[in-house]
Amino acid sequence: MPALRHIYKQILFSQICKLSTAAMIKSPTAKVLHLPPQTSNGCLLQPDGIQQDQLDILKSTVNALKDGEVVAVPTDTLYGLACLAQNSVAVKKVYDIKGRNGQKPLAICVGEIEEIYKYCKVAVKREMLEDLLPGPVTLVLERSAELNPDLNPFTPLVGVRIPDHPFMRRLCQMCGEPLALTSANMSSQTSTVDVHEFQELWPKVAVVVNGGHIGDQSRQGSTVVNLSVPGRFSLIRPGCALAPTLNVLDRKFGLLEDSENQKL
């Protein structure tokens, strides 16, 4: 009997070890990287001005993205989940992580205005883009054939952002292709302005870039406007930059509001 009890304990211990190992494999821990405070003049965008610790964080994040992973990043409005927009498998991961309805679109994020012309068909003056971007605005434009057809295949349009955030702009520049971007929270839950507010998502992403507390207490996210119809605009989401955006669209460039064309 003692021998049988000893064998039983060994078997039980072995099973516990296997279960623990499986749990560790299924629940990876994200790499949390702490971004140093950014300077007011945006020196992070200048290659000669990047500090080594900032460069290390950028490289780690780029490597994860290139490996097809999803990362959590700070923007100028909220924390976001990002992946390479041209990677269909990574895009699906974003939907799975958020529990997001597959018919809800993802925006793309680029580092420079020139890239918008590659992935979108632009029907407005370049001066208007320069007045609105970078900034807390998402412009909905007609997509071009260069954009991954598996990204929002249900619509000919796509929202595009250039966040007014040095880290995000440099990240896009280093990736050399657009990022698919959405808020870092479970679908239908409150948007987040601190990394600890979406801690339940950490095991599901490869990297969490902690850029500190984001100051937008409204949690409204970017203002979203449809500019796909020449000479007109339609407001999709008021967001946090409504007044200055309308000032540019209406007062400066004379676009007419089209209330019939509000859906993406």
Protein backbone atom coordinates (compact mmCIF):
# COMPACT_ATOMS: atom_id res chain seq x y z
CA MET A 1 0.00 0.00 0.00
CA PRO A 2 2.73 2.53 0.82
CA ALA A 3 4.26 1.79 -2.57
CA LEU A 4 0.94 2.38 -4.30
CA ARG A 5 0.46 5.67 -2.43
CA HIS A 6 3.95 6.72 -3.51
CA ILE A 7 3.20 5.89 -7.16
CA TYR A 8 -0.11 7.72 -6.93
CA LYS A 9 1.59 10.84 -5.54
CA GLN A 10 4.15 10.75 -8.34
CA ILE A 11 1.42 10.50 -10.97
CA LEU A 12 -0.55 13.33 -9.34
CA PHE A 13 2.53 15.52 -9.10
CA SER A 14 3.33 14.84 -12.76
CA GLN A 15 -0.19 15.84 -13.82
CA ILE A 16 -0.04 19.04 -11.78
CA CYS A 17 3.27 19.95 -13.44
CA LYS A 18 1.79 19.35 -16.87
CA LEU A 19 -1.22 21.51 -16.09
CA SER A 20 0.98 24.30 -14.73
CA THR A 21 3.18 24.19 -17.81
CA ALA A 22 0.14 24.30 -20.08
CA ALA A 23 -1.25 27.27 -18.17
CA MET A 24 2.04 29.11 -18.58
CA ILE A 25 2.05 28.43 -22.31
CA LYS A 26 -1.55 29.59 -22.72
CA SER A 27 -1.05 32.71 -20.57
CA PRO A 28 2.11 34.44 -21.80
CA THR A 29 3.16 37.65 -20.16
CA ALA A 30 3.46 40.74 -22.33
CA LYS A 31 6.74 42.61 -22.38
CA VAL A 32 5.96 45.93 -20.65
CA LEU A 33 8.28 48.69 -21.85
CA HIS A 34 8.32 52.07 -20.12
CA LEU A 35 8.68 54.96 -22.53
CA PRO A 36 10.73 57.91 -21.17
CA PRO A 37 8.96 61.27 -21.07
CA GLN A 38 8.94 62.91 -24.50
CA THR A 39 10.38 66.34 -25.05
CA SER A 40 8.05 69.12 -26.13
CA ASN A 41 9.87 69.64 -29.44
CA GLY A 42 9.35 66.01 -30.50
CA CYS A 43 13.03 65.14 -30.73
CA LEU A 44 12.10 61.46 -30.89
CA LEU A 45 11.29 61.98 -34.56
CA GLN A 46 14.85 63.03 -35.34
CA PRO A 47 17.19 60.03 -35.79
CA ASP A 48 20.13 61.84 -34.21
CA GLY A 49 18.03 62.81 -31.20
CA ILE A 50 16.74 59.38 -30.21
CA GLN A 51 18.05 58.21 -26.86
CA GLN A 52 19.24 54.62 -26.66
CA ASP A 53 16.45 53.51 -24.32
CA GLN A 54 13.85 55.04 -26.64
CA LEU A 55 15.45 53.33 -29.63
CA ASP A 56 15.47 49.99 -27.82
CA ILE A 57 11.73 50.29 -27.14
CA LEU A 58 11.04 51.22 -30.75
CA LYS A 59 13.09 48.27 -32.03
CA SER A 60 11.38 45.80 -29.69
CA THR A 61 7.96 47.05 -30.75
CA VAL A 62 8.84 46.98 -34.45
CA ASN A 63 10.22 43.43 -34.10
CA ALA A 64 6.99 42.26 -32.47
CA LEU A 65 4.92 43.87 -35.23
CA LYS A 66 7.09 42.34 -37.94
CA ASP A 67 6.58 38.94 -36.27
CA GLY A 68 2.84 39.32 -36.78
CA GLU A 69 2.06 40.20 -33.16
CA VAL A 70 -0.31 42.75 -31.65
CA VAL A 71 1.09 45.53 -29.44
CA ALA A 72 -0.45 48.08 -27.09
CA VAL A 73 0.72 51.65 -27.65
CA PRO A 74 0.04 55.21 -26.48
CA THR A 75 -1.41 57.75 -28.91
CA ASP A 76 -2.36 61.41 -28.61
CA THR A 77 -5.89 60.49 -27.48
CA LEU A 78 -6.11 56.99 -25.98
CA TYR A 79 -4.15 53.77 -25.66
CA GLY A 80 -4.47 51.60 -28.72
CA LEU A 81 -3.94 48.08 -30.03
CA ALA A 82 -1.86 47.97 -33.19
CA CYS A 83 -0.64 45.45 -35.74
CA LEU A 84 0.64 45.58 -39.31
CA ALA A 85 -2.35 46.44 -41.48
CA GLN A 86 -0.97 44.39 -44.37
CA ASN A 87 -0.80 41.21 -42.23
CA SER A 88 -4.19 39.48 -42.41
CA VAL A 89 -3.44 37.03 -39.60
CA ALA A 90 -2.41 39.87 -37.26
CA VAL A 91 -5.56 41.82 -38.13
CA LYS A 92 -7.67 38.82 -37.12
CA LYS A 93 -5.77 38.67 -33.82
CA VAL A 94 -6.85 42.24 -33.04
CA TYR A 95 -10.51 41.31 -33.53
CA ASP A 96 -10.08 38.21 -31.38
CA ILE A 97 -8.33 40.11 -28.57
CA LYS A 98 -11.03 42.78 -28.41
CA GLY A 99 -13.97 40.46 -29.03
CA ARG A 100 -14.83 42.93 -31.76
CA ASN A 101 -17.64 42.56 -34.27
CA GLY A 102 -16.06 41.60 -37.60
CA GLN A 103 -18.21 44.22 -39.37
CA LYS A 104 -16.68 47.08 -37.38
CA PRO A 105 -13.72 48.61 -39.25
CA LEU A 106 -10.19 49.25 -38.05
CA ALA A 107 -8.40 52.51 -38.86
CA ILE A 108 -4.88 52.68 -40.24
CA CYS A 109 -2.07 54.78 -38.81
CA VAL A 110 0.81 56.18 -40.85
CA GLY A 111 3.79 58.37 -40.07
CA GLU A 112 3.71 60.89 -42.91
CA ILE A 113 1.09 62.55 -45.10
CA GLU A 114 2.78 61.16 -48.24
CA GLU A 115 1.82 57.64 -47.16
CA ILE A 116 -1.88 58.54 -47.17
CA TYR A 117 -1.69 58.92 -50.95
CA LYS A 118 -0.33 55.38 -51.26
CA TYR A 119 -3.09 53.65 -49.34
CA CYS A 120 -6.00 56.04 -49.98
CA LYS A 121 -7.58 57.98 -52.83
CA VAL A 122 -7.49 61.57 -51.60
CA ALA A 123 -10.32 63.88 -52.73
CA VAL A 124 -9.28 66.99 -50.77
CA LYS A 125 -6.45 69.49 -51.01
CA ARG A 126 -3.14 68.55 -49.45
CA GLU A 127 -3.26 71.80 -47.45
CA MET A 128 -6.32 70.47 -45.66
CA LEU A 129 -4.50 67.29 -44.68
CA GLU A 130 -1.62 69.39 -43.39
CA ASP A 131 -4.01 71.51 -41.29
CA LEU A 132 -5.63 68.45 -39.71
CA LEU A 133 -2.66 66.07 -39.37
CA PRO A 134 -0.86 65.09 -37.28
CA GLY A 135 -3.58 65.42 -34.70
CA PRO A 136 -6.54 63.77 -32.95
CA VAL A 137 -8.51 63.36 -36.18
CA THR A 138 -9.38 60.29 -38.26
CA LEU A 139 -10.03 61.01 -41.94
CA VAL A 140 -12.22 58.51 -43.77
CA LEU A 141 -11.17 58.23 -47.41
CA GLU A 142 -11.61 55.82 -50.28
CA ARG A 143 -9.08 53.03 -49.99
CA SER A 144 -6.58 52.23 -52.73
CA ALA A 145 -5.64 48.83 -54.11
CA GLU A 146 -2.38 48.97 -52.11
CA LEU A 147 -4.21 48.42 -48.83
CA ASN A 148 -4.67 44.85 -47.60
CA PRO A 149 -8.02 43.64 -49.05
CA ASP A 150 -8.58 41.59 -45.87
CA LEU A 151 -8.66 44.78 -43.80
CA ASN A 152 -12.29 45.95 -43.63
CA PRO A 153 -13.30 43.96 -46.75
CA PHE A 154 -16.92 45.06 -46.28
CA THR A 155 -16.30 48.73 -47.16
CA PRO A 156 -14.46 50.67 -49.89
CA LEU A 157 -13.47 53.26 -47.30
CA VAL A 158 -10.84 53.40 -44.56
CA GLY A 159 -10.09 55.73 -41.68
CA VAL A 160 -6.53 57.04 -41.55
CA ARG A 161 -4.66 58.65 -38.65
CA ILE A 162 -1.35 60.38 -37.99
CA PRO A 163 -1.35 60.73 -34.19
CA ASP A 164 0.35 63.81 -32.80
CA HIS A 165 2.63 61.57 -30.75
CA PRO A 166 6.39 61.31 -31.46
CA PHE A 167 6.62 57.62 -30.53
CA MET A 168 3.74 56.59 -32.76
CA ARG A 169 4.97 58.58 -35.74
CA ARG A 170 8.47 57.16 -35.41
CA LEU A 171 7.07 53.64 -34.97
CA CYS A 172 5.18 53.92 -38.27
CA GLN A 173 8.26 55.31 -39.98
CA MET A 174 10.40 52.42 -38.78
CA CYS A 175 7.80 49.82 -39.80
CA GLY A 176 7.61 51.26 -43.29
CA GLU A 177 3.97 50.30 -43.68
CA PRO A 178 0.65 51.26 -42.08
CA LEU A 179 -0.51 50.00 -38.72
CA ALA A 180 -4.05 48.85 -38.09
CA LEU A 181 -5.15 50.73 -34.99
CA THR A 182 -8.04 50.51 -32.55
CA SER A 183 -8.62 51.37 -28.90
CA ALA A 184 -7.02 49.18 -26.23
CA ASN A 185 -10.10 47.80 -24.52
CA MET A 186 -12.60 45.01 -24.86
CA SER A 187 -15.26 45.87 -27.39
CA SER A 188 -18.01 48.15 -25.98
CA GLN A 189 -16.01 48.85 -22.80
CA THR A 190 -14.58 52.20 -21.70
CA SER A 191 -11.60 53.55 -23.61
CA THR A 192 -8.32 53.63 -21.70
CA VAL A 193 -5.84 56.40 -20.88
CA ASP A 194 -3.51 54.35 -18.64
CA VAL A 195 -1.92 50.94 -19.29
CA HIS A 196 -3.27 49.47 -16.05
CA GLU A 197 -6.82 50.11 -17.23
CA PHE A 198 -6.51 47.34 -19.84
CA GLN A 199 -4.34 44.98 -17.82
CA GLU A 200 -6.64 42.05 -18.62
CA LEU A 201 -5.44 42.31 -22.23
CA TRP A 202 -1.72 42.15 -21.39
CA PRO A 203 -1.48 38.34 -21.72
CA LYS A 204 -2.94 38.59 -25.22
CA VAL A 205 -0.41 41.06 -26.68
CA ALA A 206 3.34 40.81 -27.25
CA VAL A 207 4.37 44.29 -26.08
CA VAL A 208 2.79 46.96 -23.90
CA VAL A 209 4.40 50.38 -24.33
CA ASN A 210 3.74 52.40 -21.20
CA GLY A 211 3.78 56.05 -22.20
CA GLY A 212 2.32 57.24 -18.91
CA HIS A 213 -1.11 58.74 -18.32
CA ILE A 214 -2.72 60.26 -21.40
CA GLY A 215 -4.19 63.62 -20.59
CA ASP A 216 -7.49 63.45 -22.49
CA GLN A 217 -9.94 62.91 -19.66
CA SER A 218 -12.92 62.96 -22.04
CA ARG A 219 -11.93 59.52 -23.42
CA GLN A 220 -13.78 60.45 -26.61
CA GLY A 221 -11.01 59.41 -28.95
CA SER A 222 -10.29 61.13 -32.25
CA THR A 223 -12.80 63.14 -34.25
CA VAL A 224 -13.84 61.04 -37.26
CA VAL A 225 -14.90 62.72 -40.51
CA ASN A 226 -15.74 61.24 -43.90
CA LEU A 227 -13.93 63.12 -46.71
CA SER A 228 -14.51 60.56 -49.46
CA VAL A 229 -17.01 62.75 -51.37
CA PRO A 230 -15.39 65.74 -53.16
CA GLY A 231 -16.49 69.09 -51.77
CA ARG A 232 -18.33 67.56 -48.82
CA PHE A 233 -17.75 66.14 -45.37
CA SER A 234 -19.83 64.11 -42.96
CA LEU A 235 -19.24 63.76 -39.25
CA ILE A 236 -19.04 60.14 -38.08
CA ARG A 237 -17.88 60.75 -34.50
CA PRO A 238 -17.55 64.13 -32.73
CA GLY A 239 -14.53 63.02 -30.73
CA CYS A 240 -12.19 65.34 -28.85
CA ALA A 241 -11.29 67.78 -31.66
CA LEU A 242 -14.66 68.67 -33.12
CA ALA A 243 -14.48 72.48 -33.05
CA PRO A 244 -11.02 72.91 -34.63
CA THR A 245 -11.80 70.22 -37.22
CA LEU A 246 -15.03 71.92 -38.30
CA ASN A 247 -13.18 75.22 -38.43
CA VAL A 248 -10.77 73.78 -40.99
CA LEU A 249 -13.36 71.89 -43.06
CA ASP A 250 -16.14 74.45 -43.12
CA ARG A 251 -14.75 77.91 -42.50
CA LYS A 252 -11.32 77.60 -44.12
CA PHE A 253 -11.97 75.24 -47.05
CA GLY A 254 -15.71 75.69 -47.52
CA LEU A 255 -16.73 72.02 -47.50
CA LEU A 256 -20.46 71.39 -47.18
CA GLU A 257 -21.74 69.02 -44.52
CA ASP A 258 -23.42 65.92 -45.91
CA SER A 259 -25.65 64.45 -43.22
CA GLU A 260 -26.71 61.59 -45.55
CA ASN A 261 -23.21 60.13 -45.78
CA GLN A 262 -22.28 59.46 -42.17
CA LYS A 263 -21.63 55.73 -42.24
CA LEU A 264 -18.17 54.29 -42.89
